[in-house]
Protein backbone atom coordinates (compact mmCIF):
# COMPACT_ATOMS: atom_id res chain seq x y z
CA UNK A 1 -0.17 0.04 -0.23
CA UNK A 2 1.55 3.94 -1.03
CA UNK A 3 1.50 7.25 0.59
CA UNK A 4 -1.62 8.27 -2.28
CA UNK A 5 -3.26 4.79 -1.49
CA UNK A 6 -3.20 5.13 1.98
CA UNK A 7 -4.10 9.30 1.76
CA UNK A 8 -7.28 8.10 -0.61
CA UNK A 9 -8.31 5.33 1.94
CA UNK A 10 -8.31 8.42 4.61
CA UNK A 11 -10.71 10.52 2.43
CA UNK A 12 -12.75 7.42 2.02
CA UNK A 13 -13.23 6.87 5.42
CA UNK A 14 -14.24 9.87 6.20
CA UNK A 15 -16.83 10.06 3.86
CA UNK A 16 -17.68 6.52 4.57
CA UNK A 17 -18.53 7.31 8.40
CA UNK A 18 -20.82 10.07 7.22
CA UNK A 19 -22.91 8.48 5.26
CA UNK A 20 -23.46 5.66 7.57
CA UNK A 21 -23.90 8.28 10.20
CA UNK A 22 -27.04 9.72 7.84
CA UNK A 23 -28.10 6.30 6.80
CA UNK A 24 -28.51 4.97 10.97
CA UNK A 25 -30.17 8.71 11.17
CA UNK A 26 -32.63 7.93 8.30
CA UNK A 27 -33.45 4.44 9.79
CA UNK A 28 -34.18 6.10 13.25
CA UNK A 29 -36.48 8.10 11.94
CA UNK A 30 -37.71 5.70 9.37
CA UNK A 31 -38.76 3.13 12.89
CA UNK A 32 -39.80 6.28 15.31
CA UNK A 33 -42.25 7.05 12.64
CA UNK A 34 -43.38 3.78 11.75
CA UNK A 35 -43.76 3.05 15.41
CA UNK A 36 -46.17 6.08 16.25
CA UNK A 37 -47.80 4.92 13.26
CA UNK A 38 -49.10 1.92 14.21
CA UNK A 39 -49.86 3.57 17.85
CA UNK A 40 -51.55 6.31 16.46
CA UNK A 41 -53.60 3.57 13.96
CA UNK A 42 -54.14 1.08 16.80
CA UNK A 43 -56.34 3.54 18.55
CA UNK A 44 -58.15 4.24 15.58
CA UNK A 45 -59.36 1.29 14.30
CA UNK A 46 -63.04 -0.30 13.64
CA UNK A 47 -62.92 -4.12 13.77
CA UNK A 48 -65.89 -4.91 11.06
CA UNK A 49 -68.15 -7.68 12.14
CA UNK A 50 -70.39 -7.84 8.93
CA UNK A 51 -68.21 -7.04 6.02
CA UNK A 52 -71.46 -7.82 3.83
CA UNK A 53 -72.57 -4.05 3.66
CA UNK A 54 -70.40 -0.93 3.87
CA UNK A 55 -72.02 1.16 6.44
CA UNK A 56 -71.42 5.25 5.36
CA UNK A 57 -70.85 5.77 9.22
CA UNK A 58 -67.19 4.17 8.61
CA UNK A 59 -66.33 6.28 5.80
CA UNK A 60 -63.42 7.73 6.57
CA UNK A 61 -62.46 5.80 9.01
CA UNK A 62 -59.98 3.38 9.53
CA UNK A 63 -60.92 -0.33 9.29
CA UNK A 64 -60.04 -4.36 10.34
CA UNK A 65 -61.56 -6.79 8.21
CA UNK A 66 -61.15 -10.15 7.18
CA UNK A 67 -62.73 -12.41 4.15
CA UNK A 68 -62.13 -14.17 1.21
CA UNK A 69 -60.49 -12.49 -2.25
CA UNK A 70 -63.50 -12.28 -5.35
CA UNK A 71 -63.01 -11.53 -8.61
CA UNK A 72 -66.11 -11.75 -11.14
CA UNK A 73 -63.71 -13.22 -13.94
CA UNK A 74 -60.28 -15.13 -14.72
CA UNK A 75 -57.17 -13.30 -15.97
CA UNK A 76 -56.37 -14.58 -18.99
CA UNK A 77 -53.36 -13.79 -21.72
CA UNK A 78 -54.93 -14.50 -24.80
CA UNK A 79 -51.76 -14.42 -26.42
CA UNK A 80 -50.98 -18.07 -25.47
CA UNK A 81 -54.66 -19.21 -24.44
CA UNK A 82 -53.62 -18.70 -20.87
CA UNK A 83 -56.11 -18.22 -18.17
CA UNK A 84 -56.53 -18.04 -14.28
CA UNK A 85 -58.35 -17.68 -11.56
CA UNK A 86 -56.55 -14.94 -9.70
CA UNK A 87 -55.86 -11.65 -8.36
CA UNK A 88 -52.30 -10.84 -9.82
CA UNK A 89 -51.70 -12.67 -13.29
CA UNK A 90 -47.49 -11.84 -14.43
CA UNK A 91 -45.88 -13.19 -17.64
CA UNK A 92 -42.27 -13.58 -16.73
CA UNK A 93 -40.45 -14.09 -19.89
CA UNK A 94 -36.31 -14.75 -20.01
CA UNK A 95 -33.50 -15.32 -22.53
CA UNK A 96 -30.69 -17.34 -22.77
CA UNK A 97 -27.85 -14.58 -23.01
CA UNK A 98 -24.26 -14.18 -22.53
CA UNK A 99 -23.07 -12.63 -19.05
CA UNK A 100 -19.72 -11.51 -18.55
CA UNK A 101 -17.92 -11.26 -15.52
CA UNK A 102 -14.20 -10.34 -14.79
CA UNK A 103 -11.28 -11.00 -12.54
CA UNK A 104 -8.96 -8.51 -11.40
CA UNK A 105 -5.41 -8.86 -10.16
CA UNK A 106 -3.01 -6.51 -8.83
CA UNK A 107 0.94 -7.25 -8.72
CA UNK A 108 3.54 -5.30 -8.43
CA UNK A 109 6.52 -4.58 -11.38
CA UNK A 110 9.19 -2.41 -11.54
CA UNK A 111 8.16 -0.86 -8.34
CA UNK A 112 5.14 -0.23 -9.67
CA UNK A 113 1.17 -1.07 -8.61
CA UNK A 114 -0.11 -3.11 -12.16
CA UNK A 115 -3.81 -4.12 -12.90
CA UNK A 116 -4.38 -7.59 -14.54
CA UNK A 117 -7.95 -8.25 -15.93
CA UNK A 118 -9.57 -11.37 -16.68
CA UNK A 119 -13.10 -11.82 -18.43
CA UNK A 120 -14.76 -14.58 -18.38
CA UNK A 121 -17.66 -15.86 -20.10
CA UNK A 122 -20.97 -17.76 -19.61
CA UNK A 123 -24.61 -18.56 -20.97
CA UNK A 124 -27.64 -17.99 -18.47
CA UNK A 125 -31.50 -16.97 -18.25
CA UNK A 126 -31.65 -13.52 -17.68
CA UNK A 127 -35.62 -11.30 -17.76
CA UNK A 128 -33.56 -8.28 -18.55
CA UNK A 129 -31.28 -7.63 -21.82
CA UNK A 130 -27.61 -7.55 -21.25
CA UNK A 131 -25.87 -5.27 -24.04
CA UNK A 132 -23.30 -6.90 -25.31
CA UNK A 133 -21.23 -4.39 -27.33
CA UNK A 134 -19.76 -3.39 -23.76
CA UNK A 135 -18.05 -7.16 -23.94
CA UNK A 136 -14.57 -6.54 -24.07
CA UNK A 137 -14.41 -9.48 -26.52
CA UNK A 138 -18.07 -8.28 -27.76
CA UNK A 139 -17.11 -10.03 -31.46
CA UNK A 140 -17.08 -13.14 -30.64
CA UNK A 141 -20.79 -12.87 -27.70
CA UNK A 142 -23.40 -11.48 -28.92
CA UNK A 143 -26.78 -11.55 -27.20
CA UNK A 144 -30.02 -10.36 -29.61
CA UNK A 145 -30.86 -6.66 -29.50
CA UNK A 146 -34.47 -7.37 -28.14
CA UNK A 147 -36.71 -9.53 -26.35
CA UNK A 148 -39.62 -11.31 -29.00
CA UNK A 149 -42.09 -10.45 -26.73
CA UNK A 150 -42.34 -8.39 -23.64
CA UNK A 151 -43.21 -8.80 -19.43
CA UNK A 152 -46.62 -8.41 -18.52
CA UNK A 153 -49.02 -8.22 -15.73
CA UNK A 154 -52.72 -8.18 -15.55
CA UNK A 155 -55.01 -7.56 -11.95
CA UNK A 156 -58.51 -8.39 -11.35
CA UNK A 157 -60.89 -6.05 -9.71
CA UNK A 158 -61.34 -7.55 -6.39
CA UNK A 159 -64.02 -7.63 -3.74
CA UNK A 160 -63.73 -8.71 0.10
CA UNK A 161 -67.61 -8.55 0.81
CA UNK A 162 -68.76 -5.70 -0.12
CA UNK A 163 -65.48 -3.71 -0.42
CA UNK A 164 -63.27 -3.26 -3.37
CA UNK A 165 -59.69 -3.20 -2.98
CA UNK A 166 -57.61 -0.40 -4.45
CA UNK A 167 -54.73 -0.87 -6.75
CA UNK A 168 -52.43 -0.39 -4.05
CA UNK A 169 -53.87 -2.66 -1.54
CA UNK A 170 -53.79 -5.31 -4.62
CA UNK A 171 -50.82 -4.51 -4.51
CA UNK A 172 -49.57 -6.34 -1.62
CA UNK A 173 -50.09 -9.60 -2.73
CA UNK A 174 -47.03 -11.04 -3.31
CA UNK A 175 -47.21 -14.81 -2.32
CA UNK A 176 -46.35 -15.65 -6.43
CA UNK A 177 -47.47 -19.34 -7.12
CA UNK A 178 -46.17 -20.68 -10.44
CA UNK A 179 -49.01 -21.14 -13.21
CA UNK A 180 -49.48 -24.90 -14.46
CA UNK A 181 -49.77 -24.97 -17.81
CA UNK A 182 -51.34 -27.50 -20.71
CA UNK A 183 -50.99 -27.68 -24.29
CA UNK A 184 -53.77 -25.14 -26.43
CA UNK A 185 -54.40 -24.50 -29.76
CA UNK A 186 -53.22 -21.29 -29.52
CA UNK A 187 -50.06 -22.50 -28.01
CA UNK A 188 -49.40 -24.90 -30.81
CA UNK A 189 -50.09 -22.11 -33.97
CA UNK A 190 -47.04 -19.94 -32.00
CA UNK A 191 -45.49 -23.28 -32.83
CA UNK A 192 -43.54 -23.48 -29.35
CA UNK A 193 -42.45 -25.99 -26.94
CA UNK A 194 -44.32 -27.10 -23.47
CA UNK A 195 -42.26 -28.48 -21.09
CA UNK A 196 -42.48 -28.47 -16.99
CA UNK A 197 -45.40 -25.66 -17.36
CA UNK A 198 -42.54 -23.08 -19.28
CA UNK A 199 -43.06 -21.97 -22.75
CA UNK A 200 -40.11 -22.34 -24.71
CA UNK A 201 -39.03 -20.68 -28.19
CA UNK A 202 -36.28 -23.27 -28.57
CA UNK A 203 -34.90 -26.14 -30.92
CA UNK A 204 -34.14 -28.25 -27.82
CA UNK A 205 -35.30 -26.70 -24.31
CA UNK A 206 -32.43 -28.82 -22.74
CA UNK A 207 -29.68 -27.74 -24.98
CA UNK A 208 -30.79 -23.97 -24.68
CA UNK A 209 -28.47 -21.44 -27.25
CA UNK A 210 -28.20 -17.58 -27.01
CA UNK A 211 -31.48 -15.93 -28.02
CA UNK A 212 -33.99 -18.72 -26.86
CA UNK A 213 -36.57 -17.73 -25.31
CA UNK A 214 -38.42 -19.24 -21.90
CA UNK A 215 -41.50 -18.09 -20.64
CA UNK A 216 -43.18 -19.56 -17.63
CA UNK A 217 -46.32 -17.58 -15.12
CA UNK A 218 -47.31 -16.77 -11.89
CA UNK A 219 -50.08 -16.07 -10.06
CA UNK A 220 -51.02 -14.30 -6.83
CA UNK A 221 -54.05 -14.18 -4.89
CA UNK A 222 -56.02 -17.40 -5.06
CA UNK A 223 -59.98 -15.98 -5.80
CA UNK A 224 -62.75 -17.41 -7.91
CA UNK A 225 -64.64 -20.47 -6.81
CA UNK A 226 -62.30 -22.91 -5.53
CA UNK A 227 -60.18 -22.18 -3.02
CA UNK A 228 -59.83 -18.59 -2.45
CA UNK A 229 -57.48 -16.88 -0.11
CA UNK A 230 -58.76 -15.82 2.72
CA UNK A 231 -57.00 -12.47 4.05
CA UNK A 232 -56.91 -9.61 6.72
CA UNK A 233 -57.16 -6.16 5.98
CA UNK A 234 -56.83 -2.81 8.03
CA UNK A 235 -57.47 0.30 5.44
CA UNK A 236 -59.69 3.51 5.05
CA UNK A 237 -62.98 2.88 4.06
CA UNK A 238 -63.61 5.12 1.68
CA UNK A 239 -66.80 6.53 -0.37
CA UNK A 240 -68.21 3.90 -2.33
CA UNK A 241 -66.83 1.21 -0.40
CA UNK A 242 -62.94 0.86 -1.33
CA UNK A 243 -60.24 0.28 0.58
CA UNK A 244 -57.43 2.48 0.73
CA UNK A 245 -54.47 3.99 2.31
CA UNK A 246 -54.64 5.44 6.13
CA UNK A 247 -53.15 9.11 6.15
CA UNK A 248 -51.56 10.39 9.27
CA UNK A 249 -51.78 14.05 9.10
CA UNK A 250 -49.04 14.48 11.85
CA UNK A 251 -46.37 12.03 10.69
CA UNK A 252 -46.91 12.60 7.04
CA UNK A 253 -47.35 8.64 6.85
CA UNK A 254 -49.60 6.42 5.10
CA UNK A 255 -50.31 2.74 6.07
CA UNK A 256 -51.91 0.15 4.29
CA UNK A 257 -52.00 -3.70 5.34
CA UNK A 258 -52.79 -6.94 4.12
CA UNK A 259 -52.23 -10.10 5.59
CA UNK A 260 -52.89 -13.66 4.50
CA UNK A 261 -55.60 -15.43 6.82
CA UNK A 262 -57.17 -14.81 9.43
CA UNK A 263 -55.94 -12.19 12.18
CA UNK A 264 -57.22 -9.89 14.50
CA UNK A 265 -55.85 -6.35 14.23
CA UNK A 266 -54.21 -6.26 17.55
CA UNK A 267 -52.61 -9.56 16.06
CA UNK A 268 -51.85 -7.78 12.74
CA UNK A 269 -50.34 -4.26 14.48
CA UNK A 270 -47.92 -6.54 16.82
CA UNK A 271 -46.71 -8.46 13.54
CA UNK A 272 -45.96 -4.92 11.97
CA UNK A 273 -44.29 -3.65 15.80
CA UNK A 274 -42.37 -6.56 15.08
CA UNK A 275 -40.99 -6.29 11.29
CA UNK A 276 -40.20 -2.94 12.06
CA UNK A 277 -37.77 -4.01 15.34
CA UNK A 278 -36.25 -6.54 12.94
CA UNK A 279 -35.74 -4.16 10.13
CA UNK A 280 -34.61 -1.36 12.03
CA UNK A 281 -31.77 -3.88 13.42
CA UNK A 282 -30.66 -4.65 10.53
CA UNK A 283 -30.57 -0.99 9.50
CA UNK A 284 -28.75 -0.33 12.18
CA UNK A 285 -26.10 -3.77 11.65
CA UNK A 286 -25.69 -2.24 8.09
CA UNK A 287 -24.70 1.10 9.80
CA UNK A 288 -22.12 -0.36 12.08
CA UNK A 289 -20.36 -2.32 9.06
CA UNK A 290 -20.27 1.28 6.95
CA UNK A 291 -18.81 2.86 10.12
CA UNK A 292 -16.49 -0.14 11.02
CA UNK A 293 -15.16 0.30 7.21
CA UNK A 294 -15.01 3.83 7.13
CA UNK A 295 -12.67 3.81 10.17
CA UNK A 296 -10.48 1.58 8.92
CA UNK A 297 -9.98 3.13 5.97
CA UNK A 298 -9.43 6.17 8.09
CA UNK A 299 -6.68 4.91 10.02
CA UNK A 300 -4.55 2.95 7.16
CA UNK A 301 -2.41 6.36 7.35
CA UNK A 302 -1.02 4.89 10.25
CA UNK A 303 -0.39 1.05 9.29
CA UNK A 304 1.23 2.72 6.10
CA UNK A 305 3.56 4.79 8.71
CA UNK A 306 4.79 1.47 10.25
CA UNK A 307 4.82 -0.73 7.52
CA UNK A 308 8.18 -1.80 7.29
CA UNK A 309 8.44 -2.51 10.77
CA UNK A 310 6.94 -6.20 11.08
CA UNK A 311 6.75 -6.39 15.06
CA UNK A 312 5.19 -2.82 15.08
CA UNK A 313 2.65 -3.47 12.56
CA UNK A 314 0.99 -6.33 14.02
CA UNK A 315 0.50 -4.30 17.36
CA UNK A 316 -0.29 -1.42 15.56
CA UNK A 317 -2.82 -3.69 13.59
CA UNK A 318 -4.41 -5.07 16.95
CA UNK A 319 -4.77 -2.00 18.40
CA UNK A 320 -6.31 0.17 15.83
CA UNK A 321 -8.97 -3.20 14.97
CA UNK A 322 -9.93 -2.82 18.78
CA UNK A 323 -9.77 0.80 18.09
CA UNK A 324 -11.78 0.78 15.02
CA UNK A 325 -14.54 -1.50 16.90
CA UNK A 326 -14.79 0.94 19.67
CA UNK A 327 -15.45 3.68 18.08
CA UNK A 328 -18.13 2.36 15.58
CA UNK A 329 -19.79 1.03 18.10
CA UNK A 330 -20.16 4.03 20.01
CA UNK A 331 -20.43 6.00 16.88
CA UNK A 332 -23.63 3.58 16.32
CA UNK A 333 -25.30 4.08 19.73
CA UNK A 334 -24.66 7.73 19.48
CA UNK A 335 -26.79 8.13 16.39
CA UNK A 336 -29.34 5.75 17.63
CA UNK A 337 -29.56 7.65 20.73
CA UNK A 338 -29.80 11.19 18.63
CA UNK A 339 -33.18 9.51 16.82
CA UNK A 340 -34.74 8.38 19.90
CA UNK A 341 -33.78 11.79 21.88
CA UNK A 342 -37.18 13.02 21.75
CA UNK A 343 -39.46 10.28 21.61
CA UNK A 344 -37.55 7.80 24.37
CA UNK A 345 -35.11 10.29 26.50
CA UNK A 346 -34.53 8.21 28.88
CA UNK A 347 -33.29 5.55 26.89
CA UNK A 348 -31.54 8.22 24.42
CA UNK A 349 -29.74 9.26 27.65
CA UNK A 350 -28.57 6.00 28.59
CA UNK A 351 -27.20 5.24 25.08
CA UNK A 352 -25.68 8.38 25.24
CA UNK A 353 -23.88 7.48 28.41
CA UNK A 354 -22.61 4.66 27.31
CA UNK A 355 -21.70 5.69 23.97
CA UNK A 356 -19.38 8.53 25.46
CA UNK A 357 -17.22 5.80 27.56
CA UNK A 358 -14.59 5.49 25.55
CA UNK A 359 -14.25 8.99 24.79
CA UNK A 360 -14.10 9.58 28.97
CA UNK A 361 -11.91 7.13 29.43
CA UNK A 362 -9.43 9.12 27.09
CA UNK A 363 -10.07 12.28 28.76
CA UNK A 364 -8.81 10.37 31.72
CA UNK A 365 -5.92 9.34 30.90
CA UNK A 366 -4.85 12.76 29.30
CA UNK A 367 -5.53 14.38 32.76
CA UNK A 368 -2.10 14.65 35.08
CA UNK A 369 -2.23 13.44 38.28
C-alpha cells in the first residue's frame, strides 16, 4: 500500500463514516415514525364484524376486516390462451444470453502496482437484456438486441365482501405461485414447446442456445370458486366502499396492511411492530458495518507509517482493530440515541452515556495526576 493509497483510503473513510451516520439517522427516524403510526392507527381502528354491507358511518375511518378474495372473471393472456382464477397474473419472459464477468489481479512490477483483468463468459437465463456491445470480446459473444415478447401483468377487479380493494392494496398480494400450463390450440399455432409448465422458443429446451426464450406464468391471490385465499385487511374505508390507504396528517405517513389468513387487528399491528423492530436492527447492523469499514480506511494511514516494521505493524494492527470496533460501536450508539432523544429521552440518555464511555476514558488518561 503506497502513500497515495493510504491518503485515498483516509478520505474515503471519512466519507463512508458520514454516509453511515446519515443512513443510521434516517433509519431511526423511519423506525420512530413507523412505531408511532402503528400506535396511532391501533387506537383509531374499527374492527368490522359484517363485511356484506359497507355502512356509511365508517366512511373516512380506519377499518379492519377479514374475508375471502372475490373476482368476477379469470385473468387471461389471450396471446397464449392462458387463464387462471387469481387477483394478479404475470408473464415472466427470460432469454438465454451471454454474461460477462471479470477478475482483477494486482501485482508489483518494477516498483509499480499494475492490474491484470481477466474476463470470463457464461450463458444464463436473464429477464433483462444484456448489452453485449460493451463486452471486452463483443465480437465473439453477441446477444440479441430485443425480446420477441415482453413481460406483462394483469390485475383483477377484486372484492372482499362488499368492499373493493384499491390498486395499492392489490399490490400487497405478493405470494406468487407458479401457474400450471397445459397445451392448447393457441400454443400449437405459435409453434412453441411446452415443458414442465414453461413455454420455450427453442429447438431443444434441454440444450438452449443464445437467443432462446422461455416464458412462465406466476399468479398471486387465489380467487374464484375454488379455494380462494382468506385475507385480513387494515385500510381506510372510502366513498363507494373502496379500501384505500390511511393517512396520518401528524406524521405525514400512510398505512395500508394486508395479511394472508385470519388475524385480528391486534395481531396484525403486533406483527407490524415486530417487523419494524427486525428491519430497524438489520439497518443498524448495516450502519455499524459502514462506520467500521470507514474507520478502517481512515486509520490505514497509520498502518502505512509502520508498514516496514513487522513487530510494530502487528501490534498497531491489533490495536487499531480494537479501536475501530469501539469507535464504530460508539458512533452507532450515539446516532441511535440522537434519533430517539425526542421520543424516548430516558433510553436515549442511557445510550448517550454508554456511547461516551470510550471518550471519557481517553480524557481521563490525558488528565495529569
